[in-house]
C-alpha atoms as a PDB file:
ATOM      1  CA  PRO A   1      31.829-109.269  58.588  1.00  0.00           C
ATOM      2  CA  GLY A   2      31.199-105.824  59.980  1.00  0.00           C
ATOM      3  CA  GLY A   3      29.396-103.710  57.336  1.00  0.00           C
ATOM      4  CA  GLY A   4      26.076-102.005  58.050  1.00  0.00           C
ATOM      5  CA  GLU A   5      23.954 -99.201  56.729  1.00  0.00           C
ATOM      6  CA  SER A   6      25.039 -95.616  56.134  1.00  0.00           C
ATOM      7  CA  SER A   7      23.352 -92.481  57.366  1.00  0.00           C
ATOM      8  CA  ALA A   8      20.582 -91.270  55.013  1.00  0.00           C
ATOM      9  CA  LEU A   9      20.595 -88.474  52.474  1.00  0.00           C
ATOM     10  CA  THR A  10      17.317 -87.054  51.271  1.00  0.00           C
ATOM     11  CA  PHE A  11      16.119 -87.304  47.668  1.00  0.00           C
ATOM     12  CA  THR A  12      13.418 -84.686  46.910  1.00  0.00           C
ATOM     13  CA  ILE A  13      10.524 -85.524  44.615  1.00  0.00           C
ATOM     14  CA  ASN A  14       9.093 -82.182  43.574  1.00  0.00           C
ATOM     15  CA  ALA A  15       5.415 -81.747  42.917  1.00  0.00           C
ATOM     16  CA  SER A  16       4.738 -81.381  39.201  1.00  0.00           C
ATOM     17  CA  ASN A  17       3.122 -78.089  38.244  1.00  0.00           C
ATOM     18  CA  PRO A  18      -0.194 -78.587  36.451  1.00  0.00           C
ATOM     19  CA  VAL A  19      -1.043 -77.396  32.969  1.00  0.00           C
ATOM     20  CA  PRO A  20      -3.183 -74.287  33.692  1.00  0.00           C
ATOM     21  CA  THR A  21      -6.695 -73.654  32.411  1.00  0.00           C
ATOM     22  CA  ILE A  22      -8.242 -70.267  31.531  1.00  0.00           C
ATOM     23  CA  SER A  23     -11.971 -69.755  32.101  1.00  0.00           C
ATOM     24  CA  SER A  24     -12.438 -66.011  31.460  1.00  0.00           C
ATOM     25  CA  LEU A  25     -10.768 -62.646  30.760  1.00  0.00           C
ATOM     26  CA  SER A  26     -11.667 -59.276  32.267  1.00  0.00           C
ATOM     27  CA  PRO A  27     -11.995 -57.170  30.257  1.00  0.00           C
ATOM     28  CA  ALA A  28     -12.569 -59.437  27.248  1.00  0.00           C
ATOM     29  CA  SER A  29     -12.355 -56.619  24.692  1.00  0.00           C
ATOM     30  CA  ALA A  30     -10.898 -53.148  24.141  1.00  0.00           C
ATOM     31  CA  THR A  31     -11.076 -50.358  21.595  1.00  0.00           C
ATOM     32  CA  ALA A  32      -8.319 -50.118  19.008  1.00  0.00           C
ATOM     33  CA  GLY A  33      -6.014 -47.213  19.735  1.00  0.00           C
ATOM     34  CA  GLY A  34      -6.939 -47.138  23.415  1.00  0.00           C
ATOM     35  CA  ALA A  35      -4.651 -46.903  26.429  1.00  0.00           C
ATOM     36  CA  GLY A  36      -2.814 -49.805  28.019  1.00  0.00           C
ATOM     37  CA  PHE A  37      -4.653 -51.648  30.800  1.00  0.00           C
ATOM     38  CA  THR A  38      -4.513 -54.426  33.382  1.00  0.00           C
ATOM     39  CA  LEU A  39      -5.931 -57.754  32.189  1.00  0.00           C
ATOM     40  CA  THR A  40      -7.364 -60.148  34.779  1.00  0.00           C
ATOM     41  CA  VAL A  41      -7.129 -63.818  33.814  1.00  0.00           C
ATOM     42  CA  ASN A  42      -9.364 -66.247  35.699  1.00  0.00           C
ATOM     43  CA  GLY A  43      -8.990 -70.019  35.636  1.00  0.00           C
ATOM     44  CA  SER A  44      -7.378 -72.837  37.608  1.00  0.00           C
ATOM     45  CA  GLY A  45      -4.004 -74.438  38.176  1.00  0.00           C
ATOM     46  CA  PHE A  46      -2.022 -71.205  38.206  1.00  0.00           C
ATOM     47  CA  VAL A  47       1.260 -71.291  40.138  1.00  0.00           C
ATOM     48  CA  ASN A  48       3.592 -68.607  41.455  1.00  0.00           C
ATOM     49  CA  GLY A  49       5.761 -67.835  38.442  1.00  0.00           C
ATOM     50  CA  ALA A  50       2.982 -68.374  35.896  1.00  0.00           C
ATOM     51  CA  VAL A  51       3.124 -65.963  32.957  1.00  0.00           C
ATOM     52  CA  VAL A  52       0.309 -64.525  30.824  1.00  0.00           C
ATOM     53  CA  ARG A  53       1.132 -64.645  27.120  1.00  0.00           C
ATOM     54  CA  TRP A  54      -0.358 -62.271  24.525  1.00  0.00           C
ATOM     55  CA  ASN A  55      -0.138 -63.760  21.035  1.00  0.00           C
ATOM     56  CA  GLY A  56       2.645 -65.963  22.377  1.00  0.00           C
ATOM     57  CA  ALA A  57       4.688 -63.132  23.954  1.00  0.00           C
ATOM     58  CA  ASP A  58       5.148 -62.939  27.738  1.00  0.00           C
ATOM     59  CA  ARG A  59       3.563 -59.987  29.493  1.00  0.00           C
ATOM     60  CA  PRO A  60       4.437 -58.718  33.019  1.00  0.00           C
ATOM     61  CA  THR A  61       2.322 -60.935  35.289  1.00  0.00           C
ATOM     62  CA  THR A  62       1.256 -60.793  38.943  1.00  0.00           C
ATOM     63  CA  PHE A  63       0.264 -64.011  40.717  1.00  0.00           C
ATOM     64  CA  VAL A  64      -2.886 -63.346  42.783  1.00  0.00           C
ATOM     65  CA  SER A  65      -3.999 -66.912  43.509  1.00  0.00           C
ATOM     66  CA  ASP A  66      -4.175 -70.324  41.888  1.00  0.00           C
ATOM     67  CA  THR A  67      -7.332 -69.096  40.124  1.00  0.00           C
ATOM     68  CA  GLU A  68      -6.351 -65.503  39.230  1.00  0.00           C
ATOM     69  CA  LEU A  69      -3.506 -63.667  37.501  1.00  0.00           C
ATOM     70  CA  THR A  70      -3.189 -60.064  36.342  1.00  0.00           C
ATOM     71  CA  ALA A  71      -1.080 -58.894  33.414  1.00  0.00           C
ATOM     72  CA  THR A  72       0.012 -55.497  32.128  1.00  0.00           C
ATOM     73  CA  ILE A  73      -1.093 -55.027  28.502  1.00  0.00           C
ATOM     74  CA  PRO A  74       0.565 -52.033  26.765  1.00  0.00           C
ATOM     75  CA  ALA A  75      -1.226 -49.727  24.329  1.00  0.00           C
ATOM     76  CA  ALA A  76       0.844 -51.154  21.447  1.00  0.00           C
ATOM     77  CA  ASP A  77      -0.934 -54.507  21.892  1.00  0.00           C
ATOM     78  CA  ILE A  78      -4.317 -52.968  21.028  1.00  0.00           C
ATOM     79  CA  ALA A  79      -3.226 -50.430  18.418  1.00  0.00           C
ATOM     80  CA  THR A  80      -5.050 -52.247  15.598  1.00  0.00           C
ATOM     81  CA  ALA A  81      -8.514 -53.804  15.412  1.00  0.00           C
ATOM     82  CA  GLY A  82      -8.649 -57.596  15.382  1.00  0.00           C
ATOM     83  CA  THR A  83      -8.195 -60.359  17.957  1.00  0.00           C
ATOM     84  CA  ALA A  84      -5.434 -61.510  20.280  1.00  0.00           C
ATOM     85  CA  SER A  85      -4.754 -64.965  21.701  1.00  0.00           C
ATOM     86  CA  VAL A  86      -4.289 -65.072  25.497  1.00  0.00           C
ATOM     87  CA  THR A  87      -2.698 -68.070  27.246  1.00  0.00           C
ATOM     88  CA  VAL A  88      -1.078 -68.836  30.608  1.00  0.00           C
ATOM     89  CA  PHE A  89       2.239 -70.690  30.943  1.00  0.00           C
ATOM     90  CA  ASN A  90       3.232 -72.546  34.117  1.00  0.00           C
ATOM     91  CA  PRO A  91       6.981 -73.195  34.528  1.00  0.00           C
ATOM     92  CA  ALA A  92       8.676 -76.572  35.155  1.00  0.00           C
ATOM     93  CA  PRO A  93       8.629 -78.987  36.775  1.00  0.00           C
ATOM     94  CA  GLY A  94       5.661 -80.138  34.781  1.00  0.00           C
ATOM     95  CA  GLY A  95       3.651 -77.078  33.858  1.00  0.00           C
ATOM     96  CA  GLY A  96       3.027 -76.063  30.286  1.00  0.00           C
ATOM     97  CA  GLU A  97       0.765 -73.729  28.365  1.00  0.00           C
ATOM     98  CA  SER A  98      -3.019 -73.458  28.625  1.00  0.00           C
ATOM     99  CA  SER A  99      -5.472 -73.453  25.782  1.00  0.00           C
ATOM    100  CA  ALA A 100      -6.131 -69.944  24.431  1.00  0.00           C
ATOM    101  CA  LEU A 101      -8.979 -67.507  24.952  1.00  0.00           C
ATOM    102  CA  THR A 102      -9.670 -64.761  22.425  1.00  0.00           C
ATOM    103  CA  PHE A 103      -9.430 -61.078  23.303  1.00  0.00           C
ATOM    104  CA  THR A 104     -11.322 -58.824  20.867  1.00  0.00           C
ATOM    105  CA  ILE A 105      -9.923 -55.472  19.770  1.00  0.00           C
ATOM    106  CA  ASN A 106     -12.845 -53.460  18.414  1.00  0.00           C
ATOM    107  CA  ALA A 107     -12.430 -50.969  15.599  1.00  0.00           C
ATOM    108  CA  SER A 108     -12.698 -47.395  16.802  1.00  0.00           C
ATOM    109  CA  ASN A 109     -15.448 -45.399  15.092  1.00  0.00           C
ATOM    110  CA  PRO A 110     -14.204 -42.131  13.567  1.00  0.00           C
ATOM    111  CA  VAL A 111     -15.444 -38.654  14.401  1.00  0.00           C
ATOM    112  CA  PRO A 112     -17.749 -37.843  11.424  1.00  0.00           C
ATOM    113  CA  THR A 113     -17.480 -34.822   9.145  1.00  0.00           C
ATOM    114  CA  ILE A 114     -20.325 -32.960   7.381  1.00  0.00           C
ATOM    115  CA  SER A 115     -19.626 -31.493   3.932  1.00  0.00           C
ATOM    116  CA  SER A 116     -23.119 -30.377   2.864  1.00  0.00           C
ATOM    117  CA  LEU A 117     -26.843 -30.450   3.644  1.00  0.00           C
ATOM    118  CA  SER A 118     -29.729 -30.882   1.233  1.00  0.00           C
ATOM    119  CA  PRO A 119     -31.806 -28.815   1.501  1.00  0.00           C
ATOM    120  CA  ALA A 120     -29.696 -26.183   3.251  1.00  0.00           C
ATOM    121  CA  SER A 121     -32.701 -23.935   3.928  1.00  0.00           C
ATOM    122  CA  ALA A 122     -36.393 -24.227   4.688  1.00  0.00           C
ATOM    123  CA  THR A 123     -39.445 -21.981   4.884  1.00  0.00           C
ATOM    124  CA  ALA A 124     -40.578 -20.990   8.353  1.00  0.00           C
ATOM    125  CA  GLY A 125     -43.945 -22.564   9.085  1.00  0.00           C
ATOM    126  CA  GLY A 126     -43.509 -25.103   6.305  1.00  0.00           C
ATOM    127  CA  ALA A 127     -44.062 -28.842   6.365  1.00  0.00           C
ATOM    128  CA  GLY A 128     -41.633 -31.378   7.779  1.00  0.00           C
ATOM    129  CA  PHE A 129     -39.083 -32.788   5.348  1.00  0.00           C
ATOM    130  CA  THR A 130     -36.261 -35.268   4.845  1.00  0.00           C
ATOM    131  CA  LEU A 131     -32.792 -33.796   5.327  1.00  0.00           C
ATOM    132  CA  THR A 132     -29.877 -35.387   3.476  1.00  0.00           C
ATOM    133  CA  VAL A 133     -26.526 -35.036   5.216  1.00  0.00           C
ATOM    134  CA  ASN A 134     -23.406 -35.589   3.110  1.00  0.00           C
ATOM    135  CA  GLY A 135     -19.931 -36.032   4.529  1.00  0.00           C
ATOM    136  CA  SER A 136     -17.516 -38.758   5.595  1.00  0.00           C
ATOM    137  CA  GLY A 137     -16.910 -41.212   8.426  1.00  0.00           C
ATOM    138  CA  PHE A 138     -20.577 -42.031   9.021  1.00  0.00           C
ATOM    139  CA  VAL A 139     -21.237 -45.432  10.619  1.00  0.00           C
ATOM    140  CA  ASN A 140     -24.327 -47.595  10.955  1.00  0.00           C
ATOM    141  CA  GLY A 141     -25.959 -46.219  14.094  1.00  0.00           C
ATOM    142  CA  ALA A 142     -24.915 -42.616  13.444  1.00  0.00           C
ATOM    143  CA  VAL A 143     -27.534 -40.039  14.439  1.00  0.00           C
ATOM    144  CA  VAL A 144     -28.318 -36.629  12.949  1.00  0.00           C
ATOM    145  CA  ARG A 145     -28.816 -33.972  15.636  1.00  0.00           C
ATOM    146  CA  TRP A 146     -30.906 -30.822  15.123  1.00  0.00           C
ATOM    147  CA  ASN A 147     -29.890 -28.145  17.615  1.00  0.00           C
ATOM    148  CA  GLY A 148     -28.455 -30.932  19.762  1.00  0.00           C
ATOM    149  CA  ALA A 149     -31.565 -33.156  19.688  1.00  0.00           C
ATOM    150  CA  ASP A 150     -31.504 -36.559  17.968  1.00  0.00           C
ATOM    151  CA  ARG A 151     -33.702 -36.934  14.909  1.00  0.00           C
ATOM    152  CA  PRO A 152     -34.817 -40.264  13.298  1.00  0.00           C
ATOM    153  CA  THR A 153     -31.891 -41.148  11.046  1.00  0.00           C
ATOM    154  CA  THR A 154     -31.350 -43.601   8.197  1.00  0.00           C
ATOM    155  CA  PHE A 155     -27.842 -44.808   7.385  1.00  0.00           C
ATOM    156  CA  VAL A 156     -27.389 -44.773   3.598  1.00  0.00           C
ATOM    157  CA  SER A 157     -23.601 -45.090   3.365  1.00  0.00           C
ATOM    158  CA  ASP A 158     -20.448 -43.894   5.091  1.00  0.00           C
ATOM    159  CA  THR A 159     -20.872 -40.614   3.178  1.00  0.00           C
ATOM    160  CA  GLU A 160     -24.658 -40.098   3.409  1.00  0.00           C
ATOM    161  CA  LEU A 161     -27.385 -40.043   6.044  1.00  0.00           C
ATOM    162  CA  THR A 162     -31.014 -38.949   5.878  1.00  0.00           C
ATOM    163  CA  ALA A 163     -33.000 -37.572   8.804  1.00  0.00           C
ATOM    164  CA  THR A 164     -36.679 -36.822   9.378  1.00  0.00           C
ATOM    165  CA  ILE A 165     -37.152 -33.175  10.362  1.00  0.00           C
ATOM    166  CA  PRO A 166     -40.647 -32.405  11.741  1.00  0.00           C
ATOM    167  CA  ALA A 167     -42.559 -29.200  11.006  1.00  0.00           C
ATOM    168  CA  ALA A 168     -42.063 -28.074  14.609  1.00  0.00           C
ATOM    169  CA  ASP A 169     -38.326 -27.751  13.937  1.00  0.00           C
ATOM    170  CA  ILE A 170     -38.902 -25.052  11.311  1.00  0.00           C
ATOM    171  CA  ALA A 171     -41.862 -23.249  12.834  1.00  0.00           C
ATOM    172  CA  THR A 172     -39.858 -20.079  13.458  1.00  0.00           C
ATOM    173  CA  ALA A 173     -37.422 -18.191  11.234  1.00  0.00           C
ATOM    174  CA  GLY A 174     -33.756 -18.339  12.176  1.00  0.00           C
ATOM    175  CA  THR A 175     -31.000 -20.927  11.881  1.00  0.00           C
ATOM    176  CA  ALA A 176     -30.585 -24.497  13.085  1.00  0.00           C
ATOM    177  CA  SER A 177     -27.352 -26.306  13.925  1.00  0.00           C
ATOM    178  CA  VAL A 178     -27.001 -29.771  12.365  1.00  0.00           C
ATOM    179  CA  THR A 179     -24.419 -32.290  13.570  1.00  0.00           C
ATOM    180  CA  VAL A 180     -23.800 -36.029  13.212  1.00  0.00           C
ATOM    181  CA  PHE A 181     -22.946 -38.223  16.197  1.00  0.00           C
ATOM    182  CA  ASN A 182     -21.156 -41.585  15.805  1.00  0.00           C
ATOM    183  CA  PRO A 183     -21.558 -44.018  18.739  1.00  0.00           C
ATOM    184  CA  ALA A 184     -18.763 -45.750  20.672  1.00  0.00           C
ATOM    185  CA  PRO A 185     -16.286 -47.308  20.434  1.00  0.00           C
ATOM    186  CA  GLY A 186     -14.512 -44.096  19.528  1.00  0.00           C
ATOM    187  CA  GLY A 187     -16.954 -41.949  17.588  1.00  0.00           C
ATOM    188  CA  GLY A 188     -18.073 -38.514  18.695  1.00  0.00           C
ATOM    189  CA  GLU A 189     -19.870 -35.507  17.280  1.00  0.00           C
ATOM    190  CA  SER A 190     -19.053 -33.649  14.060  1.00  0.00           C
ATOM    191  CA  SER A 191     -18.654 -29.931  13.657  1.00  0.00           C
ATOM    192  CA  ALA A 192     -21.952 -28.191  12.916  1.00  0.00           C
ATOM    193  CA  ALA A 193     -23.504 -27.183   9.599  1.00  0.00           C
ATOM    194  CA  THR A 194     -26.299 -24.605   9.438  1.00  0.00           C
ATOM    195  CA  VAL A 195     -29.813 -24.756   8.028  1.00  0.00           C
ATOM    196  CA  ARG A 196     -31.438 -21.360   7.381  1.00  0.00           C
ATOM    197  CA  ILE A 197     -35.133 -21.121   8.235  1.00  0.00           C
ATOM    198  CA  GLN A 198     -36.559 -18.215   6.239  1.00  0.00           C
ATOM    199  CA  PHE A 199     -39.875 -16.389   6.039  1.00  0.00           C
ATOM    200  CA  ARG A 200     -41.723 -16.870   2.777  1.00  0.00           C
ATOM    201  CA  VAL A 201     -41.400 -13.717   0.677  1.00  0.00           C
ATOM    202  CA  TYR A 202     -44.410 -12.634  -1.373  1.00  0.00           C
ATOM    203  CA  LEU A 203     -43.705 -10.373  -4.361  1.00  0.00           C
ATOM    204  CA  PRO A 204     -46.380  -7.800  -5.319  1.00  0.00           C
ATOM    205  CA  LEU A 205     -48.204  -8.365  -8.562  1.00  0.00           C
ATOM    206  CA  ALA A 206     -47.030  -6.088 -11.378  1.00  0.00           C
ATOM    207  CA  ARG A 207     -49.556  -3.453 -12.499  1.00  0.00           C
ATOM    208  CA  ARG A 208     -50.851  -3.682 -16.005  1.00  0.00           C
END
C-alpha cells in the first residue's frame, strides 16, 4: 500500500573519444642542428586535450580543430640526423594513440675546406684544363667556383673534386679565386684558394 516512484537523478553517458588518425605533417622534415619549430599535424578525430607525441614523448600541443593540431618541437629534438616517430594521443574516455608518421631529420652538409689545387698556376692564353681541388667536407653535388662562377664539377670523394676550366678563364695574366660550394641542407662556400695565371717566359738562346 502507498509506495510510488521517486524523483529522478541523471546518469550521464559520456561520448567516447575516438582513436585519432594522422594524415600528414607540415613540415615533414628538418635539417639536423636547426632551430626549434612549430609542427602542424593534420588528420581526423582530434579532440580538445589531444597531445602530439614525438618518439613517444608529449610535446606542447595546441588544439586547432578536429582535423588539425600544432606542436612545439624544440631544437634538441632535431639535433641529430635520423627519423622521429610522430603520433597523436586522445585522452579518455575512449581515445588512444594514433598510428605513427615519420618525420625525417636530414644530415646537415658541412662547409667545405680547400687544402690545395693542382695545378696551382696556368699560362695566360693557354688551353683549358682539368683542375683538381683537394680538401675536406666535399659532398656529392658540390661545385667548384672560379671567381664566383660555377664550373662543371666531378665529385671524386669527400676530399677531392675535379673541375673543367675553359681557356677563356686563363686568357689574361693575373690571379683567380677558387672556392667550393656545398648545397643545402647546411653547406655553404669554402674560403678561397688562388690560381696564378702567368705570362709564358721565353729565355734567350745562349750565344756560341
